[in-house]
């Protein structure tokens, strides 16, 4: 299974129950209880304190997912 696949699947499955905390951040690691934080920084800090460099997920609780597209211009020349 790919890294964070379990955590993402769990987040999606439990999202309707999490909507009451919309705008906050969920910290998810495997089958451990999901914890909710006011800020991304707080969730990330606790995640690193508990799990070190093991994968864990911090995700914004929202009803609509934002999609960001990043592209590269391969044919562009480098300005000199």
N, C-alpha and C. Protein backbone atom coordinates (compact mmCIF):
# COMPACT_ATOMS: atom_id res chain seq x y z
N UNK A 1 0.84 -1.17 0.00
CA UNK A 1 0.00 0.00 0.00
C UNK A 1 0.89 1.24 0.00
N UNK A 2 0.53 2.24 -0.76
CA UNK A 2 1.31 3.47 -0.88
C UNK A 2 1.27 4.26 0.42
N UNK A 3 2.30 5.06 0.62
CA UNK A 3 2.36 5.90 1.83
C UNK A 3 1.12 6.78 1.92
N UNK A 4 0.55 6.83 3.09
CA UNK A 4 -0.62 7.65 3.43
C UNK A 4 -1.92 7.20 2.77
N UNK A 5 -1.91 6.10 2.03
CA UNK A 5 -3.15 5.61 1.41
C UNK A 5 -4.18 5.25 2.48
N UNK A 6 -3.74 4.61 3.54
CA UNK A 6 -4.64 4.23 4.64
C UNK A 6 -5.23 5.48 5.30
N UNK A 7 -4.37 6.47 5.56
CA UNK A 7 -4.82 7.69 6.21
C UNK A 7 -5.80 8.47 5.33
N UNK A 8 -5.52 8.56 4.04
CA UNK A 8 -6.43 9.27 3.12
C UNK A 8 -7.78 8.57 3.03
N UNK A 9 -7.76 7.25 2.94
CA UNK A 9 -9.01 6.49 2.87
C UNK A 9 -9.83 6.69 4.14
N UNK A 10 -9.16 6.68 5.27
CA UNK A 10 -9.85 6.89 6.55
C UNK A 10 -10.44 8.29 6.63
N UNK A 11 -9.67 9.29 6.20
CA UNK A 11 -10.15 10.67 6.21
C UNK A 11 -11.42 10.80 5.35
N UNK A 12 -11.39 10.24 4.16
CA UNK A 12 -12.56 10.31 3.27
C UNK A 12 -13.76 9.60 3.87
N UNK A 13 -13.53 8.45 4.50
CA UNK A 13 -14.64 7.68 5.08
C UNK A 13 -15.27 8.42 6.26
N UNK A 14 -14.47 9.13 7.02
CA UNK A 14 -14.97 9.80 8.22
C UNK A 14 -15.29 11.28 8.01
N UNK A 15 -15.09 11.77 6.79
CA UNK A 15 -15.27 13.19 6.52
C UNK A 15 -16.64 13.73 6.92
N UNK A 16 -17.75 13.07 6.59
CA UNK A 16 -19.04 13.64 7.01
C UNK A 16 -19.14 13.88 8.52
N UNK A 17 -18.56 13.00 9.31
CA UNK A 17 -18.58 13.18 10.77
C UNK A 17 -17.65 14.31 11.20
N UNK A 18 -16.65 14.61 10.37
CA UNK A 18 -15.69 15.65 10.71
C UNK A 18 -16.16 17.05 10.31
N UNK A 19 -17.21 17.15 9.50
CA UNK A 19 -17.66 18.46 9.01
C UNK A 19 -18.01 19.43 10.14
N UNK A 20 -18.35 18.91 11.30
CA UNK A 20 -18.65 19.80 12.43
C UNK A 20 -17.42 20.61 12.82
N UNK A 21 -16.24 20.14 12.42
CA UNK A 21 -14.98 20.82 12.70
C UNK A 21 -14.40 21.46 11.44
N UNK A 22 -15.26 21.81 10.49
CA UNK A 22 -14.80 22.39 9.23
C UNK A 22 -13.92 23.61 9.50
N UNK A 23 -12.83 23.69 8.74
CA UNK A 23 -11.88 24.79 8.90
C UNK A 23 -10.73 24.45 9.84
N UNK A 24 -10.85 23.34 10.54
CA UNK A 24 -9.78 22.88 11.43
C UNK A 24 -8.99 21.80 10.71
N UNK A 25 -7.99 21.25 11.38
CA UNK A 25 -7.09 20.28 10.76
C UNK A 25 -7.13 18.95 11.50
N UNK A 26 -7.16 17.88 10.72
CA UNK A 26 -7.18 16.52 11.26
C UNK A 26 -5.78 15.93 11.19
N UNK A 27 -5.37 15.30 12.28
CA UNK A 27 -4.11 14.55 12.33
C UNK A 27 -4.48 13.08 12.33
N UNK A 28 -3.97 12.34 11.32
CA UNK A 28 -4.34 10.94 11.15
C UNK A 28 -3.08 10.10 10.99
N UNK A 29 -3.01 9.02 11.76
CA UNK A 29 -1.92 8.06 11.66
C UNK A 29 -2.52 6.67 11.79
N UNK A 30 -2.56 5.93 10.69
CA UNK A 30 -3.07 4.57 10.71
C UNK A 30 -4.45 4.46 11.32
N UNK A 31 -4.59 3.56 12.30
CA UNK A 31 -5.89 3.35 12.94
C UNK A 31 -6.00 4.07 14.29
N UNK A 32 -5.06 4.97 14.57
CA UNK A 32 -5.14 5.74 15.82
C UNK A 32 -6.29 6.74 15.74
N UNK A 33 -6.82 7.17 16.88
CA UNK A 33 -7.93 8.14 16.85
C UNK A 33 -7.53 9.42 16.12
N UNK A 34 -8.45 9.95 15.34
CA UNK A 34 -8.21 11.20 14.64
C UNK A 34 -8.26 12.33 15.66
N UNK A 35 -7.26 13.20 15.61
CA UNK A 35 -7.24 14.36 16.50
C UNK A 35 -7.46 15.62 15.67
N UNK A 36 -8.15 16.59 16.26
CA UNK A 36 -8.50 17.82 15.58
C UNK A 36 -7.74 18.98 16.20
N UNK A 37 -7.23 19.87 15.34
CA UNK A 37 -6.45 21.02 15.78
C UNK A 37 -6.95 22.30 15.11
N UNK A 38 -6.78 23.41 15.78
CA UNK A 38 -7.18 24.71 15.25
C UNK A 38 -6.29 25.14 14.08
N UNK A 39 -4.99 24.80 14.18
CA UNK A 39 -4.06 25.25 13.14
C UNK A 39 -3.28 24.07 12.56
N UNK A 40 -2.82 24.27 11.34
CA UNK A 40 -1.98 23.29 10.66
C UNK A 40 -0.68 23.08 11.44
N UNK A 41 -0.11 24.19 11.91
CA UNK A 41 1.15 24.13 12.63
C UNK A 41 1.05 23.28 13.89
N UNK A 42 -0.06 23.44 14.64
CA UNK A 42 -0.24 22.65 15.86
C UNK A 42 -0.34 21.16 15.55
N UNK A 43 -1.09 20.81 14.51
CA UNK A 43 -1.25 19.41 14.12
C UNK A 43 0.09 18.83 13.65
N UNK A 44 0.81 19.59 12.85
CA UNK A 44 2.09 19.13 12.33
C UNK A 44 3.11 18.94 13.46
N UNK A 45 3.14 19.88 14.39
CA UNK A 45 4.08 19.79 15.52
C UNK A 45 3.84 18.52 16.33
N UNK A 46 2.59 18.25 16.67
CA UNK A 46 2.30 17.06 17.45
C UNK A 46 2.58 15.79 16.64
N UNK A 47 2.29 15.84 15.35
CA UNK A 47 2.58 14.69 14.49
C UNK A 47 4.05 14.34 14.51
N UNK A 48 4.93 15.33 14.38
CA UNK A 48 6.37 15.07 14.41
C UNK A 48 6.83 14.63 15.80
N UNK A 49 6.24 15.21 16.85
CA UNK A 49 6.61 14.80 18.20
C UNK A 49 6.27 13.34 18.46
N UNK A 50 5.12 12.91 17.97
CA UNK A 50 4.67 11.53 18.22
C UNK A 50 5.25 10.51 17.26
N UNK A 51 5.32 10.88 15.99
CA UNK A 51 5.63 9.89 14.96
C UNK A 51 6.99 10.09 14.30
N UNK A 52 7.68 11.14 14.65
CA UNK A 52 8.99 11.40 14.05
C UNK A 52 8.88 11.51 12.54
N UNK A 53 9.70 10.75 11.83
CA UNK A 53 9.69 10.79 10.38
C UNK A 53 8.80 9.73 9.74
N UNK A 54 8.07 8.97 10.57
CA UNK A 54 7.09 8.02 10.02
C UNK A 54 5.96 8.82 9.37
N UNK A 55 5.39 8.33 8.28
CA UNK A 55 4.31 9.07 7.60
C UNK A 55 3.08 9.24 8.49
N UNK A 56 2.52 10.43 8.44
CA UNK A 56 1.24 10.76 9.07
C UNK A 56 0.60 11.84 8.21
N UNK A 57 -0.69 12.03 8.37
CA UNK A 57 -1.43 12.96 7.52
C UNK A 57 -2.01 14.09 8.36
N UNK A 58 -1.81 15.31 7.89
CA UNK A 58 -2.50 16.49 8.43
C UNK A 58 -3.31 17.05 7.27
N UNK A 59 -4.63 17.13 7.46
CA UNK A 59 -5.51 17.51 6.35
C UNK A 59 -6.55 18.51 6.84
N UNK A 60 -6.79 19.53 6.03
CA UNK A 60 -7.82 20.52 6.31
C UNK A 60 -9.19 19.87 6.16
N UNK A 61 -10.06 20.11 7.12
CA UNK A 61 -11.43 19.59 7.06
C UNK A 61 -12.28 20.61 6.32
N UNK A 62 -12.76 20.22 5.16
CA UNK A 62 -13.56 21.11 4.33
C UNK A 62 -14.53 20.29 3.49
N UNK A 63 -15.63 20.90 3.14
CA UNK A 63 -16.63 20.20 2.32
C UNK A 63 -16.25 20.20 0.84
N UNK A 64 -15.42 21.12 0.43
CA UNK A 64 -14.99 21.18 -0.97
C UNK A 64 -13.47 21.12 -1.02
N UNK A 65 -12.96 20.22 -1.82
CA UNK A 65 -11.53 20.02 -1.96
C UNK A 65 -10.97 21.00 -2.97
N UNK A 66 -9.91 21.70 -2.59
CA UNK A 66 -9.23 22.58 -3.53
C UNK A 66 -8.24 21.76 -4.34
N UNK A 67 -8.19 22.04 -5.61
CA UNK A 67 -7.25 21.34 -6.48
C UNK A 67 -6.25 22.37 -7.01
N UNK A 68 -4.99 22.07 -6.85
CA UNK A 68 -3.94 22.95 -7.34
C UNK A 68 -3.19 22.23 -8.46
N UNK A 69 -3.01 22.90 -9.55
CA UNK A 69 -2.27 22.34 -10.68
C UNK A 69 -0.95 23.08 -10.82
N UNK A 70 0.11 22.33 -10.91
CA UNK A 70 1.43 22.91 -11.11
C UNK A 70 1.97 22.38 -12.43
N UNK A 71 2.42 23.28 -13.26
CA UNK A 71 2.97 22.86 -14.54
C UNK A 71 4.34 23.48 -14.73
N UNK A 72 5.07 22.90 -15.60
CA UNK A 72 6.36 23.45 -15.99
C UNK A 72 6.31 23.76 -17.47
N UNK A 73 6.96 24.79 -17.83
CA UNK A 73 7.08 25.12 -19.24
C UNK A 73 8.40 24.52 -19.72
N UNK A 74 8.31 23.37 -20.35
CA UNK A 74 9.51 22.65 -20.75
C UNK A 74 10.25 23.33 -21.91
N UNK A 75 9.51 24.06 -22.71
CA UNK A 75 10.12 24.67 -23.87
C UNK A 75 10.61 26.09 -23.62
N UNK A 76 10.40 26.59 -22.43
CA UNK A 76 10.83 27.95 -22.11
C UNK A 76 12.35 28.01 -22.01
N UNK A 77 12.89 29.10 -22.41
CA UNK A 77 14.33 29.28 -22.29
C UNK A 77 14.65 29.95 -20.98
N UNK A 78 15.81 29.69 -20.48
CA UNK A 78 16.25 30.26 -19.23
C UNK A 78 16.71 31.69 -19.48
N UNK A 79 16.15 32.65 -18.72
CA UNK A 79 16.60 34.03 -18.92
C UNK A 79 18.05 34.17 -18.45
N UNK A 80 18.84 34.81 -19.25
CA UNK A 80 20.27 34.96 -18.92
C UNK A 80 20.59 36.37 -18.50
